[in-house]
Protein backbone atom coordinates (compact mmCIF):
# COMPACT_ATOMS: atom_id res chain seq x y z
CA MET A 1 195.16 27.61 192.38
CA SER A 2 198.02 26.35 194.54
CA VAL A 3 197.44 24.57 197.84
CA PRO A 4 198.40 26.74 200.85
CA ALA A 5 201.24 25.40 203.02
CA SER A 6 198.97 25.11 206.04
CA LEU A 7 199.60 22.23 208.42
CA LEU A 8 197.55 20.86 211.33
CA LEU A 9 199.35 18.65 213.88
CA GLN A 10 197.63 16.67 216.61
CA PRO A 11 198.40 17.57 220.25
CA ASP A 12 201.19 14.93 220.31
CA GLU A 13 203.20 17.45 218.18
CA GLN A 14 204.05 14.76 215.61
CA THR A 15 200.99 13.31 213.91
CA VAL A 16 199.83 15.18 210.79
CA GLU A 17 196.07 15.56 210.83
CA ALA A 18 195.71 17.53 207.61
CA PHE A 19 197.53 19.70 205.08
CA GLY A 20 196.50 22.56 202.79
CA PHE A 21 192.83 23.53 202.57
CA ASN A 22 191.88 20.47 204.64
CA ALA A 23 194.05 21.79 207.47
CA GLU A 24 192.34 25.19 207.30
CA ASP A 25 188.88 23.61 207.34
CA LYS A 26 189.59 21.17 210.18
CA TYR A 27 191.22 23.85 212.32
CA SER A 28 188.21 26.14 211.90
CA GLU A 29 185.96 23.28 213.06
CA LEU A 30 187.87 22.77 216.32
CA SER A 31 186.40 24.24 219.48
CA GLU A 32 188.29 27.08 221.14
CA GLU A 33 189.37 24.71 223.90
CA ASN A 34 190.81 22.15 221.46
CA LYS A 35 192.51 24.81 219.35
CA CYS A 36 194.84 25.48 222.27
CA LYS A 37 195.97 21.85 222.25
CA TRP A 38 196.51 21.37 218.51
CA TYR A 39 199.27 22.94 216.40
CA TYR A 40 198.15 24.89 213.37
CA PHE A 41 200.80 26.41 211.11
CA LYS A 42 199.34 28.69 208.48
CA ARG A 43 201.69 28.90 205.51
CA PHE A 44 204.55 27.57 207.64
CA TRP A 45 206.81 27.23 204.58
CA ILE A 46 206.90 31.01 204.20
CA GLN A 47 208.08 31.29 207.82
CA ILE A 48 210.94 28.94 207.01
CA ASN A 49 211.88 30.58 203.70
CA GLU A 50 211.98 34.06 205.23
CA ASN A 51 214.28 32.99 208.08
CA LYS A 52 217.78 34.20 207.17
CA CYS A 53 219.56 32.05 209.79
CA LEU A 54 218.03 28.59 209.48
CA SER A 55 219.64 25.97 211.72
CA LEU A 56 218.80 22.72 213.50
CA ASP A 57 217.44 24.75 216.42
CA THR A 58 215.25 27.10 214.37
CA MET A 59 211.77 27.42 215.86
CA ILE A 60 208.57 28.31 214.02
CA ARG A 61 205.36 29.56 215.62
CA ASP A 62 201.83 28.36 215.03
CA GLU A 63 198.73 30.55 214.97
CA ARG A 64 198.67 30.70 218.78
CA GLU A 65 202.39 31.44 219.06
CA LYS A 66 203.23 27.93 220.26
CA GLY A 67 206.69 26.96 219.02
CA LEU A 68 208.10 23.77 217.55
CA LYS A 69 211.42 23.08 215.91
CA ALA A 70 211.22 23.58 212.15
CA SER A 71 213.06 20.28 211.59
CA ALA A 72 210.41 18.42 213.61
CA VAL A 73 207.53 20.02 211.69
CA ILE A 74 209.14 19.27 208.32
CA SER A 75 209.89 15.73 209.49
CA SER A 76 206.25 15.11 210.42
CA LEU A 77 205.07 16.29 207.03
CA LEU A 78 207.71 14.30 205.11
CA LYS A 79 206.87 11.14 207.05
CA LYS A 80 203.21 11.51 206.11
CA VAL A 81 204.08 12.10 202.43
CA LEU A 82 206.48 9.14 202.29
CA GLU A 83 204.03 6.80 203.99
CA GLU A 84 201.30 7.68 201.50
CA PHE A 85 203.79 7.39 198.63
CA PHE A 86 204.73 3.81 199.51
CA LEU A 87 201.10 2.87 200.02
CA SER A 88 200.17 4.06 196.51
CA PRO A 89 199.08 1.26 194.11
CA ALA A 90 201.87 1.95 191.59
CA ILE A 91 204.64 1.64 194.20
CA SER A 92 203.06 -1.36 195.90
CA LYS A 93 202.75 -3.14 192.57
CA ALA A 94 206.40 -2.45 191.76
CA ASP A 95 207.38 -3.98 195.14
CA LEU A 96 209.67 -1.05 196.01
CA THR A 97 210.93 -0.28 199.50
CA PRO A 98 212.43 2.93 200.93
CA THR A 99 215.94 1.47 200.62
CA ASP A 100 215.41 1.28 196.83
CA MET A 101 214.81 5.01 196.69
CA HIS A 102 217.09 7.93 195.93
CA LEU A 103 215.16 10.85 197.42
CA ILE A 104 215.99 14.24 195.91
CA LEU A 105 214.66 17.23 197.85
CA THR A 106 214.63 20.62 196.15
CA VAL A 107 214.98 23.70 198.33
CA PRO A 108 214.98 27.47 197.63
CA GLY A 109 218.15 28.89 196.11
CA THR A 110 218.56 31.23 199.08
CA TRP A 111 219.09 28.29 201.47
CA ASN A 112 222.62 27.94 202.81
CA ASN A 113 224.41 24.73 203.87
CA ASP A 114 222.98 24.96 207.41
CA ALA A 115 219.47 25.07 206.00
CA LYS A 116 220.18 22.06 203.78
CA THR A 117 221.53 20.19 206.80
CA LEU A 118 218.28 21.00 208.58
CA MET A 119 216.36 19.35 205.74
CA LYS A 120 218.55 16.24 205.86
CA ARG A 121 218.06 16.01 209.63
CA ALA A 122 214.31 16.29 209.15
CA VAL A 123 214.38 13.35 206.73
CA ARG A 124 216.38 11.23 209.17
CA GLN A 125 213.89 12.07 211.92
CA THR A 126 211.08 10.48 209.90
CA GLY A 127 212.53 7.07 210.75
CA VAL A 128 212.21 6.02 207.11
CA ASN A 129 215.36 4.13 206.09
CA LEU A 130 216.07 5.61 202.67
CA GLY A 131 218.64 4.27 200.24
CA ASN A 132 220.05 7.66 199.21
CA LEU A 133 219.28 11.29 199.94
CA SER A 134 220.32 14.44 198.06
CA VAL A 135 219.36 18.08 198.58
CA VAL A 136 219.61 20.38 195.55
CA SER A 137 218.53 23.99 195.12
CA GLU A 138 215.57 24.66 192.84
CA THR A 139 217.63 27.11 190.78
CA ASP A 140 220.42 24.58 190.17
CA ALA A 141 217.89 21.92 189.18
CA ALA A 142 216.14 24.23 186.72
CA SER A 143 219.48 25.25 185.19
CA VAL A 144 220.51 21.60 184.71
CA PHE A 145 217.28 20.95 182.83
CA CYS A 146 217.43 24.08 180.69
CA LEU A 147 221.10 23.83 179.68
CA ARG A 148 221.23 20.09 179.13
CA GLY A 149 217.93 20.22 177.28
CA ASP A 150 219.12 22.95 174.90
CA ILE A 151 216.23 25.17 175.94
CA PHE A 152 218.18 28.27 174.96
CA GLN A 153 218.53 26.92 171.40
CA GLU A 154 220.51 29.44 169.31
CA ASP A 155 220.93 31.71 172.33
CA ILE A 156 222.77 29.18 174.53
CA PRO A 157 224.91 31.14 177.00
CA LYS A 158 228.55 31.10 175.94
CA PRO A 159 231.36 30.07 178.33
CA ASN A 160 232.31 32.75 180.86
CA THR A 161 228.99 34.54 180.44
CA ARG A 162 226.14 35.02 182.90
CA TYR A 163 222.37 34.72 182.79
CA ILE A 164 219.46 35.16 185.22
CA LEU A 165 217.08 32.39 186.18
CA CYS A 166 213.70 33.94 187.07
CA ASP A 167 211.43 31.55 188.98
CA LEU A 168 207.82 32.72 189.25
CA LYS A 169 206.33 31.26 192.41
CA ASP A 170 202.94 31.70 194.02
CA GLU A 171 204.21 33.56 197.08
CA ARG A 172 207.41 35.18 195.78
CA LEU A 173 209.74 35.91 192.86
CA ASP A 174 213.17 34.21 192.88
CA LEU A 175 216.06 35.67 190.85
CA THR A 176 219.34 33.78 190.57
CA LEU A 177 222.55 34.82 188.82
CA HIS A 178 224.38 31.94 187.13
CA GLU A 179 227.73 31.85 185.38
CA VAL A 180 228.59 29.34 182.65
CA ASP A 181 232.13 27.91 182.79
CA THR A 182 234.28 26.64 179.92
CA GLU A 183 232.68 23.17 180.13
CA ARG A 184 229.17 24.68 180.00
CA LYS A 185 228.53 23.85 183.63
CA THR A 186 226.77 26.47 185.71
CA LYS A 187 227.97 28.15 188.85
CA HIS A 188 225.38 29.55 191.26
CA LEU A 189 226.50 33.07 192.22
CA VAL A 190 223.64 34.68 194.13
CA THR A 191 219.89 34.32 194.71
CA GLU A 192 217.44 36.98 195.85
CA HIS A 193 213.74 36.61 196.44
CA ASP A 194 210.99 39.19 196.60
CA CYS A 195 207.94 38.19 198.63
CA SER A 196 205.95 41.14 197.27
CA LEU A 197 205.96 39.77 193.71
CA GLY A 198 204.39 36.31 193.80
CA LEU A 199 201.92 35.08 191.21
CA SER A 200 199.35 35.51 193.98
CA ILE A 201 199.27 39.13 192.78
CA VAL A 202 197.13 37.80 189.94
CA ASN A 203 194.80 36.17 192.51
CA ASP A 204 194.53 39.53 194.28
CA ALA A 205 193.72 41.20 190.96
CA ILE A 206 190.95 38.65 190.37
CA GLU A 207 189.39 39.39 193.76
CA LYS A 208 189.56 43.15 193.17
CA PHE A 209 188.04 42.64 189.71
CA ILE A 210 185.03 40.69 191.05
CA ASN A 211 184.58 43.15 193.92
CA SER A 212 184.64 46.08 191.47
CA LEU A 213 181.95 44.44 189.38
CA ALA A 214 179.87 43.67 192.48
CA GLY A 215 180.31 47.12 194.04
CA CYS A 216 181.12 45.51 197.41
CA ASP A 217 183.64 43.21 199.09
CA VAL A 218 181.75 40.12 198.04
CA MET A 219 184.89 37.94 197.84
CA THR A 220 185.71 38.30 201.53
CA CYS A 221 182.14 37.46 202.44
CA LEU A 222 182.15 34.49 200.06
CA ARG A 223 185.43 33.23 201.54
CA MET A 224 184.08 33.44 205.10
CA GLU A 225 180.56 32.09 204.54
CA HIS A 226 180.81 29.91 201.41
CA SER A 227 184.42 28.72 201.38
CA GLU A 228 183.89 25.88 198.88
CA ASP A 229 182.23 28.21 196.38
CA TYR A 230 185.01 30.75 196.89
CA ARG A 231 187.69 28.14 196.15
CA SER A 232 185.83 26.81 193.13
CA LEU A 233 185.53 30.32 191.70
CA MET A 234 189.21 31.13 192.25
CA GLU A 235 190.41 27.74 190.97
CA ASP A 236 188.27 28.04 187.84
CA PHE A 237 189.39 31.63 187.22
CA VAL A 238 193.09 30.94 187.78
CA GLU A 239 193.16 27.71 185.75
CA THR A 240 191.28 29.37 182.89
CA LEU A 241 193.75 32.26 182.88
CA ARG A 242 196.71 29.87 182.92
CA HIS A 243 195.53 28.15 179.77
CA VAL A 244 194.37 31.09 177.66
CA ASN A 245 196.46 31.84 174.58
CA LEU A 246 197.13 34.92 172.49
CA ALA A 247 194.35 33.95 170.07
CA SER A 248 191.67 33.80 172.78
CA SER A 249 189.28 36.73 172.44
CA LYS A 250 187.08 35.85 175.41
CA LEU A 251 186.96 33.58 178.42
CA SER A 252 184.09 32.34 180.55
CA ILE A 253 184.07 31.83 184.30
CA ARG A 254 181.44 29.93 186.29
CA ILE A 255 179.64 32.04 188.90
CA SER A 256 178.04 30.33 191.89
CA GLU A 257 174.51 31.06 193.02
CA SER A 258 175.91 31.91 196.46
CA LEU A 259 177.90 34.80 194.95
CA LEU A 260 174.78 36.15 193.25
CA ARG A 261 172.80 35.92 196.50
CA THR A 262 175.61 37.52 198.49
CA VAL A 263 175.87 40.50 196.13
CA GLU A 264 172.12 41.05 196.32
CA LYS A 265 172.23 40.76 200.11
CA MET A 266 175.07 43.28 200.40
CA THR A 267 173.89 45.84 197.82
CA SER A 268 170.14 45.26 197.45
CA ARG A 269 170.77 44.92 193.71
CA SER A 270 171.39 41.94 191.45
CA PHE A 271 174.91 41.17 190.28
CA GLN A 272 173.72 41.94 186.75
CA ASP A 273 172.61 45.44 187.77
CA GLN A 274 175.84 46.00 189.73
CA ILE A 275 177.89 45.12 186.64
CA LYS A 276 175.98 47.72 184.62
CA LEU A 277 176.75 50.35 187.28
CA SER A 278 180.41 49.38 187.50
CA LEU A 279 183.15 51.58 186.04
CA ILE A 280 184.75 48.49 184.45
CA ASN A 281 181.65 47.03 182.83
CA LYS A 282 182.96 47.26 179.26
CA GLY A 283 184.00 43.84 177.99
CA VAL A 284 182.17 42.00 180.80
CA LYS A 285 178.82 40.25 180.52
CA LEU A 286 176.88 37.98 182.88
CA LEU A 287 175.23 35.18 180.92
CA SER A 288 172.03 33.47 181.97
CA CYS A 289 173.87 30.16 182.50
CA TYR A 290 175.77 31.39 185.57
CA LYS A 291 178.83 32.34 183.54
CA LEU A 292 180.77 35.57 183.39
CA ARG A 293 182.03 36.37 179.88
CA ILE A 294 185.20 38.49 179.85
CA ASP A 295 186.89 40.06 176.80
CA LYS A 296 190.62 39.81 176.10
CA LEU A 297 191.56 43.38 177.04
CA VAL A 298 189.88 42.93 180.39
CA TYR A 299 191.51 39.63 181.39
CA ASP A 300 194.89 40.76 180.05
CA SER A 301 194.74 43.67 182.48
CA LEU A 302 194.72 41.21 185.41
CA PHE A 303 198.40 40.50 184.66
CA ASP A 304 199.50 44.15 184.47
CA ALA A 305 200.63 44.64 188.08
CA PHE A 306 202.63 41.42 188.10
CA ILE A 307 204.30 42.14 184.74
CA LYS A 308 205.31 45.69 185.66
CA GLY A 309 206.60 44.66 189.08
CA THR A 310 208.56 41.67 187.76
CA ALA A 311 210.18 43.63 184.92
CA ALA A 312 211.22 46.41 187.31
CA ARG A 313 212.65 43.91 189.82
CA ILE A 314 214.69 42.14 187.12
CA ARG A 315 216.16 45.44 185.93
CA THR A 316 217.09 46.35 189.51
CA PHE A 317 218.77 42.95 189.91
CA ILE A 318 220.79 43.46 186.71
CA THR A 319 221.89 46.94 187.76
CA LYS A 320 222.96 45.63 191.16
CA HIS A 321 224.91 42.55 190.04
CA ASP A 322 226.06 42.87 186.41
CA HIS A 323 224.79 45.40 183.88
CA ARG A 324 226.17 43.26 181.00
CA ILE A 325 223.59 40.51 181.53
CA ASN A 326 221.10 40.26 178.68
CA GLN A 327 219.68 36.72 178.97
CA ILE A 328 216.75 35.87 181.21
CA LEU A 329 215.45 32.31 181.65
CA VAL A 330 211.92 32.15 183.09
CA VAL A 331 210.49 29.06 184.80
CA SER A 332 207.63 28.38 187.21
CA GLN A 333 205.93 25.48 188.94
CA PHE A 334 202.75 26.68 187.23
CA VAL A 335 201.74 26.99 183.60
CA ILE A 336 202.47 30.62 182.68
CA PRO A 337 199.64 32.02 180.52
CA GLU A 338 200.67 33.15 177.04
CA PRO A 339 199.41 36.72 177.64
CA LEU A 340 201.63 36.92 180.72
CA GLN A 341 204.59 35.45 178.81
CA GLU A 342 204.10 37.98 176.03
CA GLY A 343 203.74 40.78 178.55
CA VAL A 344 207.06 39.91 180.22
CA ARG A 345 208.83 39.69 176.86
CA THR A 346 207.42 43.06 175.80
CA ALA A 347 208.34 44.73 179.10
CA LEU A 348 211.90 43.38 178.69
CA SER A 349 212.09 43.70 174.91
CA ASP A 350 215.76 44.82 175.02
CA LEU A 351 216.75 41.52 176.67
CA LYS A 352 216.68 37.91 175.49
CA VAL A 353 213.83 36.36 177.46
CA VAL A 354 213.56 32.56 177.15
CA ILE A 355 210.48 30.78 178.54
CA PRO A 356 210.73 27.00 177.91
CA THR A 357 207.65 25.15 176.72
CA GLU A 358 208.05 22.84 179.74
CA HIS A 359 208.77 25.69 182.17
CA SER A 360 206.36 24.25 184.75
CA HIS A 361 208.43 21.04 184.97
CA ALA A 362 211.91 22.58 184.84
CA VAL A 363 212.72 22.00 188.53
CA LEU A 364 211.25 18.47 188.57
CA HIS A 365 212.99 17.32 185.39
CA GLY A 366 216.20 19.07 186.38
CA ALA A 367 216.22 17.40 189.81
CA THR A 368 215.71 14.01 188.13
CA MET A 369 218.60 14.68 185.73
CA TRP A 370 220.76 15.89 188.62
CA GLY A 371 219.98 12.69 190.55
CA GLN A 372 220.88 10.49 187.59
CA GLN A 373 224.25 12.21 187.36
CA ALA A 374 224.80 11.71 191.11
CA LEU A 375 224.22 7.94 190.96
């Protein structure tokens, strides 16, 4: 499960207290009086990505509608990350300093030059004296990796042809149209993102699945009253799904005792009895060792909404921009489960869908290759 882009700043507006789940936990522990003084940005990165007119003066709002400049918030986070990076044992042992570094920041493909300037300004505001700084779009980085690495193999896009890069993110789907020139370099034509089609749809399907088995909204209750158990359940479920393959006939998920107690408290029945009463009980079994055994057809169904939505969105994109396109390159920062990969290929069986083995590292490797070329 990905870490939410939640950020907690101290009242001085600059010092990062915590990030991700730690930020959520620490903010919830603050008294009502102190909450007014601190700055808590819940999923602030989505606020930035959805802003169509990013500039140096762009403001973002925290949970209590207090505003700070986006560049200042990003700067505070980057400073914290860079400080921890240079304090790490590997970097300290190598005796590296910031001036030895070429920092490459990847940003969404929808970001314009003003937005990239904002990112550069944020880095300068950290006060860290870097050797070099480059900002490259995630889509360009992924394309560099995939084309230079011969990912397309026999289906390498020919000069003067176009292909779509489909980036599956947690909170949205990014689609980018690229054109290959005569020297097999790519030209970024247009990027669109759909915030209704993130991989988080699978997380939502997991919650609905557990709630259907329990016959109540046990997941909301678990999240509010037993947050650690909720996270452990979701992390285990998501990671297990990401690593299942087409040959897997079953998967097992750990169930916490707090979930069992919560179901019994909310329904006056055991989780086992609720599963038997559920309309989706076929292919699901609660084992005595606090594990939920799920058959292939059942866990495959958790990907259905995402697959159908993604395939439909890709077809709409093709119709809008160029009906001749027939090559789709799929990457993600996450490991894409084989059942999901197969589902996307089947839903787009009339197109050439290429999903690299190293799809989860396409942006990282591509950014590194891009940086080496820039030196």
